[in-house]
C-alpha atoms as a PDB file:
ATOM      1  CA  MET A   1      60.741 -50.512  -5.113  1.00  0.00           C
ATOM      2  CA  THR A   2      60.271 -47.961  -2.359  1.00  0.00           C
ATOM      3  CA  GLU A   3      56.729 -46.651  -2.034  1.00  0.00           C
ATOM      4  CA  VAL A   4      56.676 -42.981  -1.054  1.00  0.00           C
ATOM      5  CA  THR A   5      53.779 -41.064   0.496  1.00  0.00           C
ATOM      6  CA  LEU A   6      54.159 -37.289   0.706  1.00  0.00           C
ATOM      7  CA  VAL A   7      53.073 -36.003   4.121  1.00  0.00           C
ATOM      8  CA  ILE A   8      54.239 -32.378   4.220  1.00  0.00           C
ATOM      9  CA  GLN A   9      55.695 -30.180   1.494  1.00  0.00           C
ATOM     10  CA  ASP A  10      56.481 -26.478   1.676  1.00  0.00           C
ATOM     11  CA  LYS A  11      57.917 -24.388  -1.157  1.00  0.00           C
ATOM     12  CA  PHE A  12      57.449 -21.156   0.800  1.00  0.00           C
ATOM     13  CA  GLU A  13      55.425 -19.521  -1.957  1.00  0.00           C
ATOM     14  CA  ARG A  14      53.578 -17.341   0.578  1.00  0.00           C
ATOM     15  CA  GLY A  15      55.874 -17.576   3.571  1.00  0.00           C
ATOM     16  CA  ALA A  16      56.033 -20.622   5.815  1.00  0.00           C
ATOM     17  CA  SER A  17      53.202 -23.152   5.921  1.00  0.00           C
ATOM     18  CA  PRO A  18      50.932 -22.872   8.988  1.00  0.00           C
ATOM     19  CA  TYR A  19      52.046 -26.418   9.805  1.00  0.00           C
ATOM     20  CA  TRP A  20      55.400 -25.183  11.107  1.00  0.00           C
ATOM     21  CA  ALA A  21      55.956 -23.708  14.519  1.00  0.00           C
ATOM     22  CA  ARG A  22      57.964 -20.514  13.996  1.00  0.00           C
ATOM     23  CA  PHE A  23      60.401 -19.493  16.728  1.00  0.00           C
ATOM     24  CA  ALA A  24      62.674 -16.440  16.906  1.00  0.00           C
ATOM     25  CA  ILE A  25      64.319 -15.091  20.037  1.00  0.00           C
ATOM     26  CA  GLY A  26      66.966 -12.490  20.746  1.00  0.00           C
ATOM     27  CA  HIS A  27      68.538 -10.856  17.708  1.00  0.00           C
ATOM     28  CA  ALA A  28      67.050 -13.330  15.253  1.00  0.00           C
ATOM     29  CA  ASP A  29      64.187 -13.186  12.809  1.00  0.00           C
ATOM     30  CA  ILE A  30      62.328 -15.161  10.148  1.00  0.00           C
ATOM     31  CA  GLU A  31      61.991 -13.374   6.812  1.00  0.00           C
ATOM     32  CA  SER A  32      60.033 -14.279   3.705  1.00  0.00           C
ATOM     33  CA  ALA A  33      60.941 -13.625   0.089  1.00  0.00           C
ATOM     34  CA  PRO A  34      59.426 -15.070  -3.094  1.00  0.00           C
ATOM     35  CA  ASN A  35      59.746 -18.863  -2.746  1.00  0.00           C
ATOM     36  CA  VAL A  36      62.293 -18.518   0.080  1.00  0.00           C
ATOM     37  CA  LEU A  37      62.194 -18.572   3.870  1.00  0.00           C
ATOM     38  CA  ARG A  38      65.196 -16.940   5.538  1.00  0.00           C
ATOM     39  CA  LEU A  39      66.325 -17.655   9.126  1.00  0.00           C
ATOM     40  CA  VAL A  40      68.398 -14.618  10.138  1.00  0.00           C
ATOM     41  CA  GLU A  41      70.748 -13.535  12.903  1.00  0.00           C
ATOM     42  CA  GLN A  42      72.348 -10.118  13.329  1.00  0.00           C
ATOM     43  CA  GLY A  43      73.679  -8.380  16.416  1.00  0.00           C
ATOM     44  CA  ALA A  44      73.470 -11.386  18.744  1.00  0.00           C
ATOM     45  CA  GLU A  45      74.671 -10.527  22.245  1.00  0.00           C
ATOM     46  CA  GLU A  46      77.280 -12.546  24.092  1.00  0.00           C
ATOM     47  CA  GLY A  47      75.695 -14.767  26.734  1.00  0.00           C
ATOM     48  CA  LYS A  48      72.144 -14.347  25.401  1.00  0.00           C
ATOM     49  CA  LEU A  49      70.370 -16.737  23.070  1.00  0.00           C
ATOM     50  CA  SER A  50      69.564 -15.645  19.530  1.00  0.00           C
ATOM     51  CA  ASP A  51      67.793 -18.387  17.583  1.00  0.00           C
ATOM     52  CA  ALA A  52      65.600 -18.464  14.466  1.00  0.00           C
ATOM     53  CA  GLU A  53      63.942 -21.734  13.510  1.00  0.00           C
ATOM     54  CA  ILE A  54      60.958 -23.539  12.091  1.00  0.00           C
ATOM     55  CA  GLY A  55      59.916 -27.025  13.125  1.00  0.00           C
ATOM     56  CA  ASP A  56      57.197 -29.304  14.403  1.00  0.00           C
ATOM     57  CA  TYR A  57      58.620 -30.526  17.727  1.00  0.00           C
ATOM     58  CA  ARG A  58      57.731 -27.711  20.157  1.00  0.00           C
ATOM     59  CA  ALA A  59      53.966 -28.202  20.338  1.00  0.00           C
ATOM     60  CA  VAL A  60      53.894 -31.866  21.415  1.00  0.00           C
ATOM     61  CA  PRO A  61      55.401 -33.970  24.242  1.00  0.00           C
ATOM     62  CA  LYS A  62      58.712 -35.641  23.473  1.00  0.00           C
ATOM     63  CA  SER A  63      56.992 -39.035  23.546  1.00  0.00           C
ATOM     64  CA  LYS A  64      54.594 -37.930  20.777  1.00  0.00           C
ATOM     65  CA  LEU A  65      56.930 -36.338  18.251  1.00  0.00           C
ATOM     66  CA  PRO A  66      55.494 -36.812  14.744  1.00  0.00           C
ATOM     67  CA  TRP A  67      58.167 -38.684  12.756  1.00  0.00           C
ATOM     68  CA  MET A  68      59.288 -42.280  12.907  1.00  0.00           C
ATOM     69  CA  LEU A  69      61.257 -44.477  10.527  1.00  0.00           C
ATOM     70  CA  PRO A  70      61.068 -45.229   7.657  1.00  0.00           C
ATOM     71  CA  THR A  71      60.911 -41.579   6.598  1.00  0.00           C
ATOM     72  CA  ARG A  72      62.556 -39.382   3.950  1.00  0.00           C
ATOM     73  CA  LEU A  73      63.448 -35.712   4.459  1.00  0.00           C
ATOM     74  CA  THR A  74      64.408 -33.470   1.547  1.00  0.00           C
ATOM     75  CA  VAL A  75      65.505 -29.851   2.043  1.00  0.00           C
ATOM     76  CA  ARG A  76      66.884 -27.290  -0.424  1.00  0.00           C
ATOM     77  CA  ALA A  77      69.020 -24.759   1.412  1.00  0.00           C
ATOM     78  CA  ARG A  78      71.967 -22.365   1.318  1.00  0.00           C
ATOM     79  CA  PHE A  79      73.826 -20.044   3.729  1.00  0.00           C
ATOM     80  CA  SER A  80      74.959 -16.431   3.613  1.00  0.00           C
ATOM     81  CA  HIS A  81      78.586 -17.262   4.445  1.00  0.00           C
ATOM     82  CA  ALA A  82      81.056 -20.050   3.808  1.00  0.00           C
ATOM     83  CA  ALA A  83      81.912 -22.715   6.368  1.00  0.00           C
ATOM     84  CA  GLY A  84      84.077 -21.199   9.062  1.00  0.00           C
ATOM     85  CA  GLN A  85      82.505 -17.764   8.556  1.00  0.00           C
ATOM     86  CA  VAL A  86      79.001 -18.605   9.807  1.00  0.00           C
ATOM     87  CA  LEU A  87      79.058 -18.300  13.609  1.00  0.00           C
ATOM     88  CA  GLY A  88      77.161 -20.492  16.089  1.00  0.00           C
ATOM     89  CA  THR A  89      75.297 -23.604  15.010  1.00  0.00           C
ATOM     90  CA  ALA A  90      72.769 -24.292  12.258  1.00  0.00           C
ATOM     91  CA  GLY A  91      71.231 -27.163  10.373  1.00  0.00           C
ATOM     92  CA  VAL A  92      68.254 -29.159   9.151  1.00  0.00           C
ATOM     93  CA  GLY A  93      66.989 -32.561  10.191  1.00  0.00           C
ATOM     94  CA  PHE A  94      65.244 -34.524  12.907  1.00  0.00           C
ATOM     95  CA  TRP A  95      65.869 -34.509  16.669  1.00  0.00           C
ATOM     96  CA  ASN A  96      64.066 -35.071  19.979  1.00  0.00           C
ATOM     97  CA  ASP A  97      65.014 -31.776  21.706  1.00  0.00           C
ATOM     98  CA  PRO A  98      66.471 -33.476  24.810  1.00  0.00           C
ATOM     99  CA  PHE A  99      66.938 -30.260  26.860  1.00  0.00           C
ATOM    100  CA  ASP A 100      64.699 -28.290  29.161  1.00  0.00           C
ATOM    101  CA  TRP A 101      64.851 -24.488  29.479  1.00  0.00           C
ATOM    102  CA  ALA A 102      67.453 -24.772  32.257  1.00  0.00           C
ATOM    103  CA  GLY A 103      69.773 -26.739  29.977  1.00  0.00           C
ATOM    104  CA  SER A 104      69.340 -30.083  31.745  1.00  0.00           C
ATOM    105  CA  VAL A 105      69.017 -33.217  29.620  1.00  0.00           C
ATOM    106  CA  GLN A 106      65.536 -34.685  30.065  1.00  0.00           C
ATOM    107  CA  VAL A 107      65.874 -37.644  27.691  1.00  0.00           C
ATOM    108  CA  PRO A 108      68.806 -39.244  25.861  1.00  0.00           C
ATOM    109  CA  PRO A 109      69.678 -37.246  22.730  1.00  0.00           C
ATOM    110  CA  ASN A 110      68.578 -38.672  19.382  1.00  0.00           C
ATOM    111  CA  ALA A 111      69.107 -36.928  16.055  1.00  0.00           C
ATOM    112  CA  LEU A 112      69.838 -37.321  12.376  1.00  0.00           C
ATOM    113  CA  TRP A 113      70.621 -34.148  10.488  1.00  0.00           C
ATOM    114  CA  PHE A 114      72.909 -31.956   8.462  1.00  0.00           C
ATOM    115  CA  LEU A 115      74.656 -29.987  11.211  1.00  0.00           C
ATOM    116  CA  TYR A 116      76.888 -26.921  11.092  1.00  0.00           C
ATOM    117  CA  VAL A 117      79.186 -26.047  14.014  1.00  0.00           C
ATOM    118  CA  SER A 118      81.394 -22.928  13.864  1.00  0.00           C
ATOM    119  CA  PRO A 119      85.149 -22.978  14.711  1.00  0.00           C
ATOM    120  CA  GLN A 120      84.525 -21.492  18.180  1.00  0.00           C
ATOM    121  CA  SER A 121      82.974 -24.804  19.213  1.00  0.00           C
ATOM    122  CA  ASP A 122      84.645 -28.171  19.618  1.00  0.00           C
ATOM    123  CA  PHE A 123      82.297 -31.098  19.980  1.00  0.00           C
ATOM    124  CA  ALA A 124      81.883 -34.409  18.214  1.00  0.00           C
ATOM    125  CA  PHE A 125      80.018 -37.388  19.608  1.00  0.00           C
ATOM    126  CA  ALA A 126      81.585 -39.812  17.141  1.00  0.00           C
ATOM    127  CA  PRO A 127      85.182 -40.843  17.959  1.00  0.00           C
ATOM    128  CA  ASN A 128      88.107 -39.321  16.038  1.00  0.00           C
ATOM    129  CA  MET A 129      85.982 -36.649  14.350  1.00  0.00           C
ATOM    130  CA  ARG A 130      86.690 -32.934  14.034  1.00  0.00           C
ATOM    131  CA  GLY A 131      84.577 -30.932  16.456  1.00  0.00           C
ATOM    132  CA  ASN A 132      83.233 -28.350  13.997  1.00  0.00           C
ATOM    133  CA  GLY A 133      82.304 -27.793  10.355  1.00  0.00           C
ATOM    134  CA  TRP A 134      79.432 -28.909   8.101  1.00  0.00           C
ATOM    135  CA  LYS A 135      78.490 -32.521   8.784  1.00  0.00           C
ATOM    136  CA  ALA A 136      76.057 -35.327   8.129  1.00  0.00           C
ATOM    137  CA  ALA A 137      75.448 -36.883  11.527  1.00  0.00           C
ATOM    138  CA  THR A 138      73.348 -39.312  13.519  1.00  0.00           C
ATOM    139  CA  LEU A 139      73.067 -39.774  17.265  1.00  0.00           C
ATOM    140  CA  ASN A 140      71.187 -42.697  18.786  1.00  0.00           C
ATOM    141  CA  GLY A 141      70.863 -42.321  22.540  1.00  0.00           C
ATOM    142  CA  GLY A 142      67.991 -44.762  22.876  1.00  0.00           C
ATOM    143  CA  ARG A 143      65.695 -44.379  25.849  1.00  0.00           C
ATOM    144  CA  ALA A 144      66.268 -43.874  29.579  1.00  0.00           C
ATOM    145  CA  GLY A 145      64.112 -43.296  32.650  1.00  0.00           C
ATOM    146  CA  GLY A 146      63.733 -39.962  34.428  1.00  0.00           C
ATOM    147  CA  LEU A 147      65.758 -41.092  37.462  1.00  0.00           C
ATOM    148  CA  THR A 148      68.706 -42.081  35.274  1.00  0.00           C
ATOM    149  CA  MET A 149      68.656 -38.717  33.507  1.00  0.00           C
ATOM    150  CA  ALA A 150      68.387 -36.787  36.785  1.00  0.00           C
ATOM    151  CA  LEU A 151      71.365 -38.635  38.239  1.00  0.00           C
ATOM    152  CA  GLY A 152      73.381 -38.024  35.083  1.00  0.00           C
ATOM    153  CA  ASN A 153      72.624 -34.289  35.161  1.00  0.00           C
ATOM    154  CA  PHE A 154      73.610 -34.101  38.827  1.00  0.00           C
ATOM    155  CA  VAL A 155      76.956 -35.826  38.321  1.00  0.00           C
ATOM    156  CA  PHE A 156      77.604 -33.865  35.119  1.00  0.00           C
ATOM    157  CA  GLY A 157      77.315 -30.632  37.097  1.00  0.00           C
ATOM    158  CA  LEU A 158      79.937 -31.617  39.661  1.00  0.00           C
ATOM    159  CA  PRO A 159      83.364 -29.982  39.230  1.00  0.00           C
ATOM    160  CA  GLY A 160      85.654 -32.007  37.007  1.00  0.00           C
ATOM    161  CA  MET A 161      83.049 -34.670  36.210  1.00  0.00           C
ATOM    162  CA  SER A 162      81.715 -33.631  32.796  1.00  0.00           C
ATOM    163  CA  ALA A 163      84.489 -35.369  30.814  1.00  0.00           C
ATOM    164  CA  LEU A 164      83.946 -38.598  32.769  1.00  0.00           C
ATOM    165  CA  VAL A 165      80.183 -38.499  32.277  1.00  0.00           C
ATOM    166  CA  PHE A 166      80.670 -37.895  28.551  1.00  0.00           C
ATOM    167  CA  ARG A 167      83.045 -40.853  28.322  1.00  0.00           C
ATOM    168  CA  LEU A 168      80.515 -43.094  30.060  1.00  0.00           C
ATOM    169  CA  ALA A 169      77.678 -41.754  27.912  1.00  0.00           C
ATOM    170  CA  GLN A 170      79.617 -42.585  24.764  1.00  0.00           C
ATOM    171  CA  THR A 171      79.452 -46.269  25.676  1.00  0.00           C
ATOM    172  CA  ARG A 172      75.667 -46.189  25.174  1.00  0.00           C
ATOM    173  CA  LEU A 173      75.485 -43.631  22.345  1.00  0.00           C
ATOM    174  CA  ALA A 174      75.664 -44.781  18.736  1.00  0.00           C
ATOM    175  CA  ALA A 175      77.086 -41.726  16.959  1.00  0.00           C
ATOM    176  CA  HIS A 176      78.244 -41.418  13.350  1.00  0.00           C
ATOM    177  CA  GLU A 177      79.445 -38.331  11.488  1.00  0.00           C
ATOM    178  CA  LYS A 178      80.945 -37.343   8.157  1.00  0.00           C
ATOM    179  CA  THR A 179      82.384 -33.895   7.462  1.00  0.00           C
ATOM    180  CA  LEU A 180      81.246 -32.294   4.200  1.00  0.00           C
ATOM    181  CA  ASP A 181      84.163 -29.990   3.419  1.00  0.00           C
ATOM    182  CA  ASP A 182      83.528 -30.234  -0.341  1.00  0.00           C
ATOM    183  CA  VAL A 183      79.952 -28.912  -0.087  1.00  0.00           C
ATOM    184  CA  ALA A 184      79.877 -25.117  -0.489  1.00  0.00           C
ATOM    185  CA  LEU A 185      77.416 -23.685   2.018  1.00  0.00           C
ATOM    186  CA  THR A 186      76.734 -20.555  -0.047  1.00  0.00           C
ATOM    187  CA  ASP A 187      75.453 -22.595  -3.023  1.00  0.00           C
ATOM    188  CA  TRP A 188      71.965 -24.014  -3.258  1.00  0.00           C
ATOM    189  CA  HIS A 189      72.012 -27.752  -2.538  1.00  0.00           C
ATOM    190  CA  GLU A 190      69.344 -30.379  -2.055  1.00  0.00           C
ATOM    191  CA  TYR A 191      69.967 -32.282   1.163  1.00  0.00           C
ATOM    192  CA  ARG A 192      68.199 -35.596   1.725  1.00  0.00           C
ATOM    193  CA  ILE A 193      68.045 -38.121   4.559  1.00  0.00           C
ATOM    194  CA  ASP A 194      66.491 -41.573   4.206  1.00  0.00           C
ATOM    195  CA  TRP A 195      65.849 -42.722   7.762  1.00  0.00           C
ATOM    196  CA  LEU A 196      65.571 -46.510   7.697  1.00  0.00           C
ATOM    197  CA  ALA A 197      65.562 -49.246  10.329  1.00  0.00           C
ATOM    198  CA  ARG A 198      69.184 -50.359   9.893  1.00  0.00           C
ATOM    199  CA  GLU A 199      70.795 -47.175   8.594  1.00  0.00           C
ATOM    200  CA  ALA A 200      70.348 -43.548   7.679  1.00  0.00           C
ATOM    201  CA  ILE A 201      71.457 -42.639   4.157  1.00  0.00           C
ATOM    202  CA  PHE A 202      72.503 -39.058   3.394  1.00  0.00           C
ATOM    203  CA  PHE A 203      72.437 -37.465  -0.058  1.00  0.00           C
ATOM    204  CA  VAL A 204      73.573 -34.122  -1.466  1.00  0.00           C
ATOM    205  CA  ASP A 205      72.084 -33.249  -4.859  1.00  0.00           C
ATOM    206  CA  ASP A 206      70.918 -36.866  -5.318  1.00  0.00           C
ATOM    207  CA  THR A 207      74.424 -38.221  -4.724  1.00  0.00           C
ATOM    208  CA  GLU A 208      74.837 -40.574  -1.776  1.00  0.00           C
ATOM    209  CA  ILE A 209      77.546 -39.223   0.534  1.00  0.00           C
ATOM    210  CA  PHE A 210      77.190 -41.189   3.787  1.00  0.00           C
ATOM    211  CA  ARG A 211      75.582 -44.269   5.367  1.00  0.00           C
ATOM    212  CA  ALA A 212      75.235 -44.278   9.140  1.00  0.00           C
ATOM    213  CA  PRO A 213      74.331 -47.590  10.813  1.00  0.00           C
ATOM    214  CA  ASN A 214      72.100 -47.932  13.881  1.00  0.00           C
ATOM    215  CA  PRO A 215      70.080 -44.702  13.560  1.00  0.00           C
ATOM    216  CA  PRO A 216      67.577 -43.509  16.184  1.00  0.00           C
ATOM    217  CA  THR A 217      64.494 -45.649  16.756  1.00  0.00           C
ATOM    218  CA  VAL A 218      62.435 -43.173  18.792  1.00  0.00           C
ATOM    219  CA  PRO A 219      59.995 -40.507  17.538  1.00  0.00           C
ATOM    220  CA  LEU A 220      61.654 -37.289  16.368  1.00  0.00           C
ATOM    221  CA  GLY A 221      60.614 -33.827  15.180  1.00  0.00           C
ATOM    222  CA  PHE A 222      61.775 -31.689  12.286  1.00  0.00           C
ATOM    223  CA  VAL A 223      63.889 -28.575  12.860  1.00  0.00           C
ATOM    224  CA  ALA A 224      65.692 -26.020  10.686  1.00  0.00           C
ATOM    225  CA  TRP A 225      67.601 -23.407  12.668  1.00  0.00           C
ATOM    226  CA  ILE A 226      70.451 -20.945  13.061  1.00  0.00           C
ATOM    227  CA  ASP A 227      71.631 -19.766  16.495  1.00  0.00           C
ATOM    228  CA  ASN A 228      74.584 -18.341  18.424  1.00  0.00           C
ATOM    229  CA  ASN A 229      75.335 -21.361  20.599  1.00  0.00           C
ATOM    230  CA  CYS A 230      78.909 -22.436  21.303  1.00  0.00           C
ATOM    231  CA  MET A 231      79.931 -25.639  23.083  1.00  0.00           C
ATOM    232  CA  THR A 232      82.962 -27.714  23.954  1.00  0.00           C
ATOM    233  CA  ILE A 233      82.510 -31.341  24.927  1.00  0.00           C
ATOM    234  CA  GLY A 234      84.202 -34.619  24.165  1.00  0.00           C
ATOM    235  CA  ILE A 235      86.637 -37.234  25.376  1.00  0.00           C
ATOM    236  CA  GLY A 236      89.194 -35.584  27.648  1.00  0.00           C
ATOM    237  CA  ARG A 237      87.492 -32.154  27.501  1.00  0.00           C
ATOM    238  CA  GLU A 238      85.567 -30.417  30.240  1.00  0.00           C
ATOM    239  CA  PHE A 239      82.146 -29.187  29.221  1.00  0.00           C
ATOM    240  CA  ALA A 240      81.812 -25.504  28.321  1.00  0.00           C
ATOM    241  CA  PHE A 241      78.752 -23.735  26.925  1.00  0.00           C
ATOM    242  CA  SER A 242      78.225 -20.121  25.884  1.00  0.00           C
ATOM    243  CA  ARG A 243      76.411 -17.837  23.450  1.00  0.00           C
ATOM    244  CA  LEU A 244      78.474 -15.916  20.922  1.00  0.00           C
ATOM    245  CA  ARG A 245      78.394 -12.247  20.044  1.00  0.00           C
ATOM    246  CA  ILE A 246      77.540 -12.041  16.337  1.00  0.00           C
ATOM    247  CA  GLU A 247      77.685  -8.615  14.725  1.00  0.00           C
ATOM    248  CA  GLN A 248      77.385  -9.745  11.105  1.00  0.00           C
ATOM    249  CA  ARG A 249      74.112 -10.445   9.353  1.00  0.00           C
ATOM    250  CA  GLN A 250      74.033 -14.171   8.639  1.00  0.00           C
ATOM    251  CA  TRP A 251      71.294 -16.486   7.497  1.00  0.00           C
ATOM    252  CA  MET A 252      70.176 -19.840   6.210  1.00  0.00           C
ATOM    253  CA  GLU A 253      67.640 -19.839   3.376  1.00  0.00           C
ATOM    254  CA  LEU A 254      65.185 -22.634   2.614  1.00  0.00           C
ATOM    255  CA  SER A 255      63.341 -22.995  -0.686  1.00  0.00           C
ATOM    256  CA  HIS A 256      61.841 -26.450  -0.266  1.00  0.00           C
ATOM    257  CA  VAL A 257      61.102 -28.869   2.579  1.00  0.00           C
ATOM    258  CA  ALA A 258      59.395 -32.228   2.018  1.00  0.00           C
ATOM    259  CA  ILE A 259      58.825 -35.098   4.460  1.00  0.00           C
ATOM    260  CA  GLU A 260      57.653 -38.423   3.076  1.00  0.00           C
ATOM    261  CA  ARG A 261      56.718 -41.802   4.503  1.00  0.00           C
ATOM    262  CA  LEU A 262      58.586 -44.742   3.037  1.00  0.00           C
ATOM    263  CA  THR A 263      56.355 -47.791   3.117  1.00  0.00           C
ATOM    264  CA  THR A 264      58.882 -50.196   1.591  1.00  0.00           C
ATOM    265  CA  GLU A 265      62.513 -49.867   2.577  1.00  0.00           C
ATOM    266  CA  HIS A 266      65.127 -49.895  -0.168  1.00  0.00           C
ATOM    267  CA  ARG A 267      68.689 -51.116   0.000  1.00  0.00           C
END
């Protein structure tokens, strides 16, 4: 049997728990309704970041992020629009926020999450996967020293080199994805991730939908967000990054977030 210890639970009965760091920039906001927290975008400007999120990764160094396997995340969420109609990126899960404010990669990326990418973007770290849509995904970049990351950022910025750097990076990244085309974004669903030593197991409404081997083994932080980012990257593609203009009002609502320690792994 798996022994479970509840660490943080928020049902948003009076807005977001003080535990979460709230972040909203540009044409984005965080709204509260009875038993619901709403991350909203409307009127985002092209080329300027609009991002609404809650999480626990911003207030601590990347080496001291609060969550480590074995851990269970459960989130109940829905979106304002169907897949393909939401613009930008959005999602819920764990990551290590590998970027600095200039966009350089400080540490190898590590994440496990439910990730939405709109049709304007085209990126998939796992081979032979569609570069947008609603996905369950893991990315294990491991660890690397500062000199290695600085060299990689330098070469990545040289003309014509981003596709080569991505191809080389893929040799050390363990990435796994599954598209969730049958999951309606506008309906309430319970999304769950069991982050274990050998695999991450993804569930939708208590039904297992994906097992990803070799998940991250570094500390990660929780994030739930919606933004106007747009990116193209992958094998044979040159890197491109932008921020989308978004006139429509769009949002992701959360009604429950729970993070639990698993003291005995299950199979």
